[in-house]
Amino acid sequence: MRIITVSPDRYVDHFSLLRQMHSLRAAVFGERLEWDVSITDAGERDEYDDLDPTYILAVTDGQRVVGCARLLPALGPTMLEQTFPQLLASGSLGASASIAESSRFCVDTSLTAGRGGGQLHLATLTMFAGIIEWSMANGYEEIVTATDLRFERILNRAGWPMKRIGNPVAIGNTVAVAGTLPADLESFMRVCPQGYRSIVAYDRGRQIRSAA
């Protein structure tokens, strides 16, 4: 299993992987969690997919997408401020250029790929490591996200605790909460599973050295 980062300039090259990602999101958010999301034959997507995000994908050696997350600069339109402002204690994110927003994180836990530390699925830990590593390599020091209480517990078990920035709120059939996560080497080392393959991002042909 490895992490693949798909920035806007690589969407065409990784079209098949992105299609798998949208199908995985439909299966997890629409079918398993029964969230109120928009699903078509092309899978689950929303308006934030139109803002040129970078996608972090966990991909098996057989080219199967088993995990994904969507990352956008917190300075731009964000899901937290635009869709879930009730999760923010102040009603505003107070974003800076050093913060990225992560959304639509999901993992196919049916994959028989073993378990990592604390019995968390290997794909989950690989995704955590990939998100942190990409964030550090691209100048982000913090990640903000909206999630549910179940996933907040998973973050704690992984050794990557979330700092809440608002109180939990019932939304649909779940209880959601917003918080920030550090994107630093210490966090990366805690979540990084054995055998993780370091990623290197490219920006218009110019190599950006990974911070991990």
C-alpha atoms as a PDB file:
ATOM      1  CA  MET A   1       0.000   0.000   0.000  1.00  0.00           C
ATOM      2  CA  ARG A   2       1.218   3.488  -0.801  1.00  0.00           C
ATOM      3  CA  ILE A   3       0.028   7.081  -0.744  1.00  0.00           C
ATOM      4  CA  ILE A   4      -0.629   8.922  -4.009  1.00  0.00           C
ATOM      5  CA  THR A   5      -1.245  12.675  -3.960  1.00  0.00           C
ATOM      6  CA  VAL A   6      -3.419  14.001  -6.770  1.00  0.00           C
ATOM      7  CA  SER A   7      -3.189  17.758  -7.274  1.00  0.00           C
ATOM      8  CA  PRO A   8      -5.329  19.517  -9.937  1.00  0.00           C
ATOM      9  CA  ASP A   9      -2.618  19.222 -12.579  1.00  0.00           C
ATOM     10  CA  ARG A  10      -2.676  15.428 -12.130  1.00  0.00           C
ATOM     11  CA  TYR A  11      -6.436  14.841 -12.294  1.00  0.00           C
ATOM     12  CA  VAL A  12      -6.308  13.594 -15.893  1.00  0.00           C
ATOM     13  CA  ASP A  13      -3.387  11.259 -15.244  1.00  0.00           C
ATOM     14  CA  HIS A  14      -5.182   9.696 -12.276  1.00  0.00           C
ATOM     15  CA  PHE A  15      -8.737   9.757 -13.609  1.00  0.00           C
ATOM     16  CA  SER A  16      -9.354   6.067 -12.834  1.00  0.00           C
ATOM     17  CA  LEU A  17      -8.123   6.427  -9.260  1.00  0.00           C
ATOM     18  CA  LEU A  18     -10.312   9.495  -8.699  1.00  0.00           C
ATOM     19  CA  ARG A  19     -13.332   7.620 -10.029  1.00  0.00           C
ATOM     20  CA  GLN A  20     -12.604   4.851  -7.526  1.00  0.00           C
ATOM     21  CA  MET A  21     -12.330   7.502  -4.819  1.00  0.00           C
ATOM     22  CA  HIS A  22     -15.776   8.923  -5.573  1.00  0.00           C
ATOM     23  CA  SER A  23     -17.219   5.391  -5.569  1.00  0.00           C
ATOM     24  CA  LEU A  24     -15.589   4.674  -2.208  1.00  0.00           C
ATOM     25  CA  ARG A  25     -17.027   7.887  -0.794  1.00  0.00           C
ATOM     26  CA  ALA A  26     -20.483   6.870  -2.014  1.00  0.00           C
ATOM     27  CA  ALA A  27     -20.155   3.455  -0.384  1.00  0.00           C
ATOM     28  CA  VAL A  28     -18.940   4.848   2.939  1.00  0.00           C
ATOM     29  CA  PHE A  29     -20.887   8.098   3.356  1.00  0.00           C
ATOM     30  CA  GLY A  30     -24.040   7.233   1.433  1.00  0.00           C
ATOM     31  CA  GLU A  31     -24.507   3.504   2.013  1.00  0.00           C
ATOM     32  CA  ARG A  32     -22.714   2.607   5.257  1.00  0.00           C
ATOM     33  CA  LEU A  33     -23.044   5.842   7.262  1.00  0.00           C
ATOM     34  CA  GLU A  34     -26.276   6.949   5.534  1.00  0.00           C
ATOM     35  CA  TRP A  35     -25.288  10.608   5.460  1.00  0.00           C
ATOM     36  CA  ASP A  36     -27.265  13.081   3.389  1.00  0.00           C
ATOM     37  CA  VAL A  37     -24.858  13.297   0.451  1.00  0.00           C
ATOM     38  CA  SER A  38     -25.274  13.658  -3.311  1.00  0.00           C
ATOM     39  CA  ILE A  39     -24.613  10.399  -5.173  1.00  0.00           C
ATOM     40  CA  THR A  40     -24.737   9.763  -8.922  1.00  0.00           C
ATOM     41  CA  ASP A  41     -23.455   7.005 -11.182  1.00  0.00           C
ATOM     42  CA  ALA A  42     -20.050   8.705 -10.873  1.00  0.00           C
ATOM     43  CA  GLY A  43     -20.072   8.354  -7.068  1.00  0.00           C
ATOM     44  CA  GLU A  44     -20.286  10.916  -4.265  1.00  0.00           C
ATOM     45  CA  ARG A  45     -19.161  14.476  -4.837  1.00  0.00           C
ATOM     46  CA  ASP A  46     -20.057  17.995  -3.698  1.00  0.00           C
ATOM     47  CA  GLU A  47     -19.284  21.610  -4.487  1.00  0.00           C
ATOM     48  CA  TYR A  48     -15.922  21.488  -2.719  1.00  0.00           C
ATOM     49  CA  ASP A  49     -14.650  19.049  -5.338  1.00  0.00           C
ATOM     50  CA  ASP A  50     -14.971  21.943  -7.806  1.00  0.00           C
ATOM     51  CA  LEU A  51     -12.405  24.075  -5.910  1.00  0.00           C
ATOM     52  CA  ASP A  52      -9.302  22.249  -7.197  1.00  0.00           C
ATOM     53  CA  PRO A  53      -8.452  20.321  -4.030  1.00  0.00           C
ATOM     54  CA  THR A  54      -5.539  17.951  -3.607  1.00  0.00           C
ATOM     55  CA  TYR A  55      -6.638  14.384  -2.927  1.00  0.00           C
ATOM     56  CA  ILE A  56      -4.664  12.017  -0.735  1.00  0.00           C
ATOM     57  CA  LEU A  57      -5.259   8.404  -1.765  1.00  0.00           C
ATOM     58  CA  ALA A  58      -4.195   5.132  -0.155  1.00  0.00           C
ATOM     59  CA  VAL A  59      -3.687   2.703  -3.034  1.00  0.00           C
ATOM     60  CA  THR A  60      -2.851  -1.003  -2.955  1.00  0.00           C
ATOM     61  CA  ASP A  61      -0.197  -2.540  -5.197  1.00  0.00           C
ATOM     62  CA  GLY A  62      -3.112  -3.717  -7.333  1.00  0.00           C
ATOM     63  CA  GLN A  63      -4.178  -0.092  -7.953  1.00  0.00           C
ATOM     64  CA  ARG A  64      -7.214  -0.282  -5.693  1.00  0.00           C
ATOM     65  CA  VAL A  65      -8.143   2.885  -3.776  1.00  0.00           C
ATOM     66  CA  VAL A  66      -8.763   1.936  -0.147  1.00  0.00           C
ATOM     67  CA  GLY A  67      -8.587   5.346   1.513  1.00  0.00           C
ATOM     68  CA  CYS A  68      -9.005   8.989   0.588  1.00  0.00           C
ATOM     69  CA  ALA A  69      -9.139  12.543   1.899  1.00  0.00           C
ATOM     70  CA  ARG A  70      -9.645  15.958   0.316  1.00  0.00           C
ATOM     71  CA  LEU A  71      -7.387  18.880   1.224  1.00  0.00           C
ATOM     72  CA  LEU A  72      -8.014  22.568   0.555  1.00  0.00           C
ATOM     73  CA  PRO A  73      -6.362  25.760   1.846  1.00  0.00           C
ATOM     74  CA  ALA A  74      -8.315  26.978   4.868  1.00  0.00           C
ATOM     75  CA  LEU A  75      -8.128  30.541   3.520  1.00  0.00           C
ATOM     76  CA  GLY A  76     -10.465  29.683   0.671  1.00  0.00           C
ATOM     77  CA  PRO A  77     -14.055  28.469   0.865  1.00  0.00           C
ATOM     78  CA  THR A  78     -14.147  25.656   3.405  1.00  0.00           C
ATOM     79  CA  MET A  79     -16.742  23.075   4.358  1.00  0.00           C
ATOM     80  CA  LEU A  80     -16.491  24.124   7.989  1.00  0.00           C
ATOM     81  CA  GLU A  81     -17.334  27.787   7.417  1.00  0.00           C
ATOM     82  CA  GLN A  82     -19.719  27.376   4.500  1.00  0.00           C
ATOM     83  CA  THR A  83     -21.598  24.190   5.396  1.00  0.00           C
ATOM     84  CA  PHE A  84     -21.059  23.552   9.105  1.00  0.00           C
ATOM     85  CA  PRO A  85     -20.518  26.954  10.786  1.00  0.00           C
ATOM     86  CA  GLN A  86     -22.548  25.717  13.770  1.00  0.00           C
ATOM     87  CA  LEU A  87     -19.547  23.573  14.695  1.00  0.00           C
ATOM     88  CA  LEU A  88     -17.360  26.647  15.202  1.00  0.00           C
ATOM     89  CA  ALA A  89     -17.549  28.249  18.644  1.00  0.00           C
ATOM     90  CA  SER A  90     -16.953  31.713  17.172  1.00  0.00           C
ATOM     91  CA  GLY A  91     -18.795  31.072  13.921  1.00  0.00           C
ATOM     92  CA  SER A  92     -15.547  31.751  12.074  1.00  0.00           C
ATOM     93  CA  LEU A  93     -12.555  29.570  11.352  1.00  0.00           C
ATOM     94  CA  GLY A  94      -9.950  32.313  11.774  1.00  0.00           C
ATOM     95  CA  ALA A  95      -7.866  30.655   9.089  1.00  0.00           C
ATOM     96  CA  SER A  96      -4.304  31.439   8.059  1.00  0.00           C
ATOM     97  CA  ALA A  97      -2.013  30.383   5.234  1.00  0.00           C
ATOM     98  CA  SER A  98      -0.501  27.691   7.479  1.00  0.00           C
ATOM     99  CA  ILE A  99      -3.788  25.792   7.867  1.00  0.00           C
ATOM    100  CA  ALA A 100      -5.349  23.260   5.493  1.00  0.00           C
ATOM    101  CA  GLU A 101      -8.844  21.809   5.698  1.00  0.00           C
ATOM    102  CA  SER A 102      -9.284  18.052   5.414  1.00  0.00           C
ATOM    103  CA  SER A 103     -12.671  16.644   4.478  1.00  0.00           C
ATOM    104  CA  ARG A 104     -14.281  13.499   3.072  1.00  0.00           C
ATOM    105  CA  PHE A 105     -11.814  11.208   4.856  1.00  0.00           C
ATOM    106  CA  CYS A 106     -12.783   7.569   4.518  1.00  0.00           C
ATOM    107  CA  VAL A 107     -11.211   4.129   4.444  1.00  0.00           C
ATOM    108  CA  ASP A 108     -12.372   0.803   3.044  1.00  0.00           C
ATOM    109  CA  THR A 109     -11.986  -1.237   6.236  1.00  0.00           C
ATOM    110  CA  SER A 110     -13.170  -4.401   4.470  1.00  0.00           C
ATOM    111  CA  LEU A 111      -9.679  -4.668   2.999  1.00  0.00           C
ATOM    112  CA  THR A 112      -7.773  -7.550   4.555  1.00  0.00           C
ATOM    113  CA  ALA A 113      -4.552  -5.581   4.872  1.00  0.00           C
ATOM    114  CA  GLY A 114      -3.806  -6.209   8.517  1.00  0.00           C
ATOM    115  CA  ARG A 115      -3.928  -3.892  11.463  1.00  0.00           C
ATOM    116  CA  GLY A 116      -1.501  -1.288  12.677  1.00  0.00           C
ATOM    117  CA  GLY A 117      -0.746   0.063  16.123  1.00  0.00           C
ATOM    118  CA  GLY A 118      -3.590  -0.093  18.635  1.00  0.00           C
ATOM    119  CA  GLN A 119      -5.451  -2.419  16.232  1.00  0.00           C
ATOM    120  CA  LEU A 120      -6.279   0.449  13.890  1.00  0.00           C
ATOM    121  CA  HIS A 121      -6.546  -0.520  10.250  1.00  0.00           C
ATOM    122  CA  LEU A 122      -3.316  -0.169   8.286  1.00  0.00           C
ATOM    123  CA  ALA A 123      -5.081   1.932   5.649  1.00  0.00           C
ATOM    124  CA  THR A 124      -6.216   4.395   8.327  1.00  0.00           C
ATOM    125  CA  LEU A 125      -2.708   4.878   9.707  1.00  0.00           C
ATOM    126  CA  THR A 126      -1.262   5.123   6.187  1.00  0.00           C
ATOM    127  CA  MET A 127      -3.772   7.857   5.378  1.00  0.00           C
ATOM    128  CA  PHE A 128      -2.941   9.764   8.575  1.00  0.00           C
ATOM    129  CA  ALA A 129       0.770   9.618   7.756  1.00  0.00           C
ATOM    130  CA  GLY A 130       0.168  10.697   4.157  1.00  0.00           C
ATOM    131  CA  ILE A 131      -1.962  13.677   5.158  1.00  0.00           C
ATOM    132  CA  ILE A 132       0.604  14.883   7.690  1.00  0.00           C
ATOM    133  CA  GLU A 133       3.543  14.369   5.346  1.00  0.00           C
ATOM    134  CA  TRP A 134       1.859  16.187   2.443  1.00  0.00           C
ATOM    135  CA  SER A 135       0.850  19.045   4.749  1.00  0.00           C
ATOM    136  CA  MET A 136       4.395  19.511   6.068  1.00  0.00           C
ATOM    137  CA  ALA A 137       5.866  19.329   2.560  1.00  0.00           C
ATOM    138  CA  ASN A 138       3.507  22.053   1.383  1.00  0.00           C
ATOM    139  CA  GLY A 139       3.982  24.521   4.220  1.00  0.00           C
ATOM    140  CA  TYR A 140       0.970  23.680   6.383  1.00  0.00           C
ATOM    141  CA  GLU A 141       1.413  23.453  10.132  1.00  0.00           C
ATOM    142  CA  GLU A 142      -2.134  22.580  11.108  1.00  0.00           C
ATOM    143  CA  ILE A 143      -5.139  20.758   9.703  1.00  0.00           C
ATOM    144  CA  VAL A 144      -8.729  21.678  10.491  1.00  0.00           C
ATOM    145  CA  THR A 145     -11.579  19.253  10.002  1.00  0.00           C
ATOM    146  CA  ALA A 146     -15.170  18.413  10.829  1.00  0.00           C
ATOM    147  CA  THR A 147     -15.762  14.832  11.883  1.00  0.00           C
ATOM    148  CA  ASP A 148     -17.891  12.744  14.205  1.00  0.00           C
ATOM    149  CA  LEU A 149     -17.304  11.498  17.738  1.00  0.00           C
ATOM    150  CA  ARG A 150     -16.458   7.984  16.533  1.00  0.00           C
ATOM    151  CA  PHE A 151     -13.651   9.258  14.321  1.00  0.00           C
ATOM    152  CA  GLU A 152     -12.433  11.592  17.055  1.00  0.00           C
ATOM    153  CA  ARG A 153     -11.856   8.480  19.184  1.00  0.00           C
ATOM    154  CA  ILE A 154      -9.924   6.860  16.323  1.00  0.00           C
ATOM    155  CA  LEU A 155      -7.638   9.896  16.129  1.00  0.00           C
ATOM    156  CA  ASN A 156      -6.979   9.624  19.868  1.00  0.00           C
ATOM    157  CA  ARG A 157      -6.157   5.921  19.577  1.00  0.00           C
ATOM    158  CA  ALA A 158      -3.720   6.678  16.762  1.00  0.00           C
ATOM    159  CA  GLY A 159      -1.859   9.198  18.929  1.00  0.00           C
ATOM    160  CA  TRP A 160      -3.016  12.156  16.831  1.00  0.00           C
ATOM    161  CA  PRO A 161      -5.549  13.848  19.134  1.00  0.00           C
ATOM    162  CA  MET A 162      -7.784  16.570  17.809  1.00  0.00           C
ATOM    163  CA  LYS A 163      -8.153  19.897  19.620  1.00  0.00           C
ATOM    164  CA  ARG A 164     -11.807  20.869  19.550  1.00  0.00           C
ATOM    165  CA  ILE A 165     -12.756  24.335  18.318  1.00  0.00           C
ATOM    166  CA  GLY A 166     -16.436  23.997  19.115  1.00  0.00           C
ATOM    167  CA  ASN A 167     -18.946  21.803  20.911  1.00  0.00           C
ATOM    168  CA  PRO A 168     -20.381  18.608  19.385  1.00  0.00           C
ATOM    169  CA  VAL A 169     -23.597  19.184  17.438  1.00  0.00           C
ATOM    170  CA  ALA A 170     -26.157  16.673  16.202  1.00  0.00           C
ATOM    171  CA  ILE A 171     -26.262  16.853  12.389  1.00  0.00           C
ATOM    172  CA  GLY A 172     -28.440  14.355  10.563  1.00  0.00           C
ATOM    173  CA  ASN A 173     -27.849  10.900  12.011  1.00  0.00           C
ATOM    174  CA  THR A 174     -24.484  11.682  13.617  1.00  0.00           C
ATOM    175  CA  VAL A 175     -22.907  13.925  16.241  1.00  0.00           C
ATOM    176  CA  ALA A 176     -20.320  16.133  14.572  1.00  0.00           C
ATOM    177  CA  VAL A 177     -17.419  18.064  16.033  1.00  0.00           C
ATOM    178  CA  ALA A 178     -14.765  20.391  14.592  1.00  0.00           C
ATOM    179  CA  GLY A 179     -11.137  20.564  15.579  1.00  0.00           C
ATOM    180  CA  THR A 180      -7.530  21.083  14.600  1.00  0.00           C
ATOM    181  CA  LEU A 181      -4.730  18.570  14.182  1.00  0.00           C
ATOM    182  CA  PRO A 182      -0.986  19.316  14.220  1.00  0.00           C
ATOM    183  CA  ALA A 183       0.966  18.652  11.041  1.00  0.00           C
ATOM    184  CA  ASP A 184       4.430  18.083  12.460  1.00  0.00           C
ATOM    185  CA  LEU A 185       7.162  15.472  12.541  1.00  0.00           C
ATOM    186  CA  GLU A 186       6.263  14.292  16.029  1.00  0.00           C
ATOM    187  CA  SER A 187       2.692  13.513  14.960  1.00  0.00           C
ATOM    188  CA  PHE A 188       3.935  11.845  11.770  1.00  0.00           C
ATOM    189  CA  MET A 189       6.243   9.538  13.705  1.00  0.00           C
ATOM    190  CA  ARG A 190       3.447   8.518  16.088  1.00  0.00           C
ATOM    191  CA  VAL A 191       0.967   7.522  13.384  1.00  0.00           C
ATOM    192  CA  CYS A 192       3.374   6.240  10.729  1.00  0.00           C
ATOM    193  CA  PRO A 193       2.883   2.477  10.219  1.00  0.00           C
ATOM    194  CA  GLN A 194       5.749   0.074   9.593  1.00  0.00           C
ATOM    195  CA  GLY A 195       6.635  -0.107   5.908  1.00  0.00           C
ATOM    196  CA  TYR A 196       5.198   3.323   5.049  1.00  0.00           C
ATOM    197  CA  ARG A 197       6.582   4.674   1.763  1.00  0.00           C
ATOM    198  CA  SER A 198       7.475   8.347   1.948  1.00  0.00           C
ATOM    199  CA  ILE A 199       5.815  10.570  -0.635  1.00  0.00           C
ATOM    200  CA  VAL A 200       7.314  13.374  -2.720  1.00  0.00           C
ATOM    201  CA  ALA A 201       5.037  16.042  -4.192  1.00  0.00           C
ATOM    202  CA  TYR A 202       5.697  17.787  -7.477  1.00  0.00           C
ATOM    203  CA  ASP A 203       4.557  21.281  -8.356  1.00  0.00           C
ATOM    204  CA  ARG A 204       4.662  22.014 -12.088  1.00  0.00           C
ATOM    205  CA  GLY A 205       7.713  19.839 -12.524  1.00  0.00           C
ATOM    206  CA  ARG A 206       9.560  21.367  -9.592  1.00  0.00           C
ATOM    207  CA  GLN A 207      10.351  18.880  -6.852  1.00  0.00           C
ATOM    208  CA  ILE A 208       9.269  19.748  -3.333  1.00  0.00           C
ATOM    209  CA  ARG A 209      11.232  17.800  -0.781  1.00  0.00           C
ATOM    210  CA  SER A 210       9.125  15.931   1.747  1.00  0.00           C
ATOM    211  CA  ALA A 211       9.550  17.146   5.307  1.00  0.00           C
ATOM    212  CA  ALA A 212       9.366  13.620   6.705  1.00  0.00           C
END
